[in-house]
Amino acid sequence: MTVTKETKIGDILDSNAEAAQHFMAMGMHCLGCPAARNETVEQACFVHGVNPDELIKKINALFDSEG
Protein backbone atom coordinates (compact mmCIF):
# COMPACT_ATOMS: atom_id res chain seq x y z
CA MET A 1 0.00 0.00 0.00
CA THR A 2 1.18 3.51 -0.81
CA VAL A 3 -0.33 6.26 1.31
CA THR A 4 -1.19 9.63 -0.22
CA LYS A 5 -2.97 12.72 1.10
CA GLU A 6 -6.23 11.27 -0.21
CA THR A 7 -5.87 7.88 1.54
CA LYS A 8 -8.53 7.28 4.18
CA ILE A 9 -7.32 6.66 7.70
CA GLY A 10 -9.52 3.58 8.03
CA ASP A 11 -7.87 2.01 4.98
CA ILE A 12 -4.43 2.62 6.47
CA LEU A 13 -5.37 1.09 9.81
CA ASP A 14 -7.03 -1.88 8.14
CA SER A 15 -3.80 -2.54 6.23
CA ASN A 16 -1.49 -2.14 9.22
CA ALA A 17 -2.71 -1.40 12.74
CA GLU A 18 0.82 -0.32 13.72
CA ALA A 19 0.24 2.87 11.74
CA ALA A 20 -1.98 4.01 14.62
CA GLN A 21 1.14 5.02 16.56
CA HIS A 22 1.84 7.77 14.02
CA PHE A 23 -1.68 9.18 14.28
CA MET A 24 -1.58 9.00 18.07
CA ALA A 25 1.75 10.86 18.10
CA MET A 26 0.16 13.78 16.25
CA GLY A 27 -2.65 13.97 18.82
CA MET A 28 -5.29 12.02 16.93
CA HIS A 29 -6.64 9.81 19.70
CA CYS A 30 -10.07 9.12 18.19
CA LEU A 31 -9.02 6.45 15.69
CA GLY A 32 -11.97 4.17 16.48
CA CYS A 33 -14.50 6.88 15.68
CA PRO A 34 -16.32 6.27 12.37
CA ALA A 35 -15.82 9.91 11.38
CA ALA A 36 -12.05 9.68 11.92
CA ARG A 37 -11.77 6.45 9.95
CA ASN A 38 -13.38 8.15 6.94
CA GLU A 39 -11.12 11.21 7.03
CA THR A 40 -8.28 11.47 4.56
CA VAL A 41 -4.73 11.90 5.79
CA GLU A 42 -4.82 15.49 4.55
CA GLN A 43 -8.05 16.28 6.44
CA ALA A 44 -6.72 14.81 9.69
CA CYS A 45 -3.43 16.66 9.39
CA PHE A 46 -5.20 19.96 8.73
CA VAL A 47 -7.35 19.59 11.86
CA HIS A 48 -4.36 18.63 14.02
CA GLY A 49 -1.88 21.13 12.57
CA VAL A 50 0.48 18.49 11.21
CA ASN A 51 2.43 18.52 7.94
CA PRO A 52 0.78 15.76 5.86
CA ASP A 53 3.96 15.10 3.87
CA GLU A 54 5.90 14.23 7.04
CA LEU A 55 3.17 11.89 8.27
CA ILE A 56 2.84 10.21 4.88
CA LYS A 57 6.60 9.64 4.78
CA LYS A 58 6.53 7.91 8.18
CA ILE A 59 3.55 5.71 7.32
CA ASN A 60 4.94 4.73 3.92
CA ALA A 61 8.24 3.81 5.60
CA LEU A 62 6.27 1.52 7.91
CA PHE A 63 4.59 -0.16 4.95
CA ASP A 64 7.92 -0.44 3.10
CA SER A 65 9.50 -2.18 6.10
CA GLU A 66 6.87 -4.93 5.87
CA GLY A 67 8.62 -6.25 2.79
C-alpha atoms as a PDB file:
ATOM      1  CA  MET A   1       0.000   0.000   0.000  1.00  0.00           C
ATOM      2  CA  THR A   2       1.182   3.509  -0.807  1.00  0.00           C
ATOM      3  CA  VAL A   3      -0.328   6.258   1.306  1.00  0.00           C
ATOM      4  CA  THR A   4      -1.193   9.634  -0.218  1.00  0.00           C
ATOM      5  CA  LYS A   5      -2.972  12.720   1.097  1.00  0.00           C
ATOM      6  CA  GLU A   6      -6.226  11.267  -0.211  1.00  0.00           C
ATOM      7  CA  THR A   7      -5.873   7.883   1.543  1.00  0.00           C
ATOM      8  CA  LYS A   8      -8.532   7.284   4.176  1.00  0.00           C
ATOM      9  CA  ILE A   9      -7.324   6.656   7.702  1.00  0.00           C
ATOM     10  CA  GLY A  10      -9.521   3.579   8.028  1.00  0.00           C
ATOM     11  CA  ASP A  11      -7.866   2.014   4.977  1.00  0.00           C
ATOM     12  CA  ILE A  12      -4.434   2.622   6.468  1.00  0.00           C
ATOM     13  CA  LEU A  13      -5.365   1.092   9.812  1.00  0.00           C
ATOM     14  CA  ASP A  14      -7.025  -1.883   8.141  1.00  0.00           C
ATOM     15  CA  SER A  15      -3.797  -2.536   6.234  1.00  0.00           C
ATOM     16  CA  ASN A  16      -1.488  -2.138   9.215  1.00  0.00           C
ATOM     17  CA  ALA A  17      -2.709  -1.405  12.738  1.00  0.00           C
ATOM     18  CA  GLU A  18       0.821  -0.324  13.723  1.00  0.00           C
ATOM     19  CA  ALA A  19       0.240   2.872  11.739  1.00  0.00           C
ATOM     20  CA  ALA A  20      -1.976   4.009  14.621  1.00  0.00           C
ATOM     21  CA  GLN A  21       1.138   5.025  16.558  1.00  0.00           C
ATOM     22  CA  HIS A  22       1.841   7.770  14.021  1.00  0.00           C
ATOM     23  CA  PHE A  23      -1.683   9.176  14.284  1.00  0.00           C
ATOM     24  CA  MET A  24      -1.579   9.002  18.070  1.00  0.00           C
ATOM     25  CA  ALA A  25       1.752  10.857  18.101  1.00  0.00           C
ATOM     26  CA  MET A  26       0.162  13.782  16.247  1.00  0.00           C
ATOM     27  CA  GLY A  27      -2.651  13.974  18.820  1.00  0.00           C
ATOM     28  CA  MET A  28      -5.293  12.021  16.933  1.00  0.00           C
ATOM     29  CA  HIS A  29      -6.642   9.809  19.701  1.00  0.00           C
ATOM     30  CA  CYS A  30     -10.070   9.120  18.194  1.00  0.00           C
ATOM     31  CA  LEU A  31      -9.022   6.446  15.693  1.00  0.00           C
ATOM     32  CA  GLY A  32     -11.969   4.175  16.485  1.00  0.00           C
ATOM     33  CA  CYS A  33     -14.502   6.880  15.676  1.00  0.00           C
ATOM     34  CA  PRO A  34     -16.319   6.274  12.370  1.00  0.00           C
ATOM     35  CA  ALA A  35     -15.817   9.907  11.381  1.00  0.00           C
ATOM     36  CA  ALA A  36     -12.054   9.679  11.919  1.00  0.00           C
ATOM     37  CA  ARG A  37     -11.768   6.449   9.950  1.00  0.00           C
ATOM     38  CA  ASN A  38     -13.378   8.148   6.942  1.00  0.00           C
ATOM     39  CA  GLU A  39     -11.121  11.211   7.026  1.00  0.00           C
ATOM     40  CA  THR A  40      -8.282  11.471   4.559  1.00  0.00           C
ATOM     41  CA  VAL A  41      -4.731  11.904   5.790  1.00  0.00           C
ATOM     42  CA  GLU A  42      -4.817  15.486   4.552  1.00  0.00           C
ATOM     43  CA  GLN A  43      -8.048  16.280   6.442  1.00  0.00           C
ATOM     44  CA  ALA A  44      -6.724  14.812   9.689  1.00  0.00           C
ATOM     45  CA  CYS A  45      -3.431  16.658   9.389  1.00  0.00           C
ATOM     46  CA  PHE A  46      -5.198  19.956   8.731  1.00  0.00           C
ATOM     47  CA  VAL A  47      -7.349  19.592  11.855  1.00  0.00           C
ATOM     48  CA  HIS A  48      -4.362  18.633  14.017  1.00  0.00           C
ATOM     49  CA  GLY A  49      -1.882  21.133  12.572  1.00  0.00           C
ATOM     50  CA  VAL A  50       0.478  18.485  11.205  1.00  0.00           C
ATOM     51  CA  ASN A  51       2.427  18.519   7.945  1.00  0.00           C
ATOM     52  CA  PRO A  52       0.779  15.760   5.860  1.00  0.00           C
ATOM     53  CA  ASP A  53       3.958  15.098   3.870  1.00  0.00           C
ATOM     54  CA  GLU A  54       5.899  14.225   7.036  1.00  0.00           C
ATOM     55  CA  LEU A  55       3.172  11.886   8.275  1.00  0.00           C
ATOM     56  CA  ILE A  56       2.842  10.210   4.881  1.00  0.00           C
ATOM     57  CA  LYS A  57       6.602   9.645   4.779  1.00  0.00           C
ATOM     58  CA  LYS A  58       6.526   7.909   8.183  1.00  0.00           C
ATOM     59  CA  ILE A  59       3.550   5.705   7.323  1.00  0.00           C
ATOM     60  CA  ASN A  60       4.938   4.729   3.923  1.00  0.00           C
ATOM     61  CA  ALA A  61       8.244   3.815   5.597  1.00  0.00           C
ATOM     62  CA  LEU A  62       6.271   1.524   7.909  1.00  0.00           C
ATOM     63  CA  PHE A  63       4.591  -0.161   4.946  1.00  0.00           C
ATOM     64  CA  ASP A  64       7.918  -0.438   3.096  1.00  0.00           C
ATOM     65  CA  SER A  65       9.503  -2.178   6.096  1.00  0.00           C
ATOM     66  CA  GLU A  66       6.875  -4.928   5.866  1.00  0.00           C
ATOM     67  CA  GLY A  67       8.624  -6.250   2.785  1.00  0.00           C
END
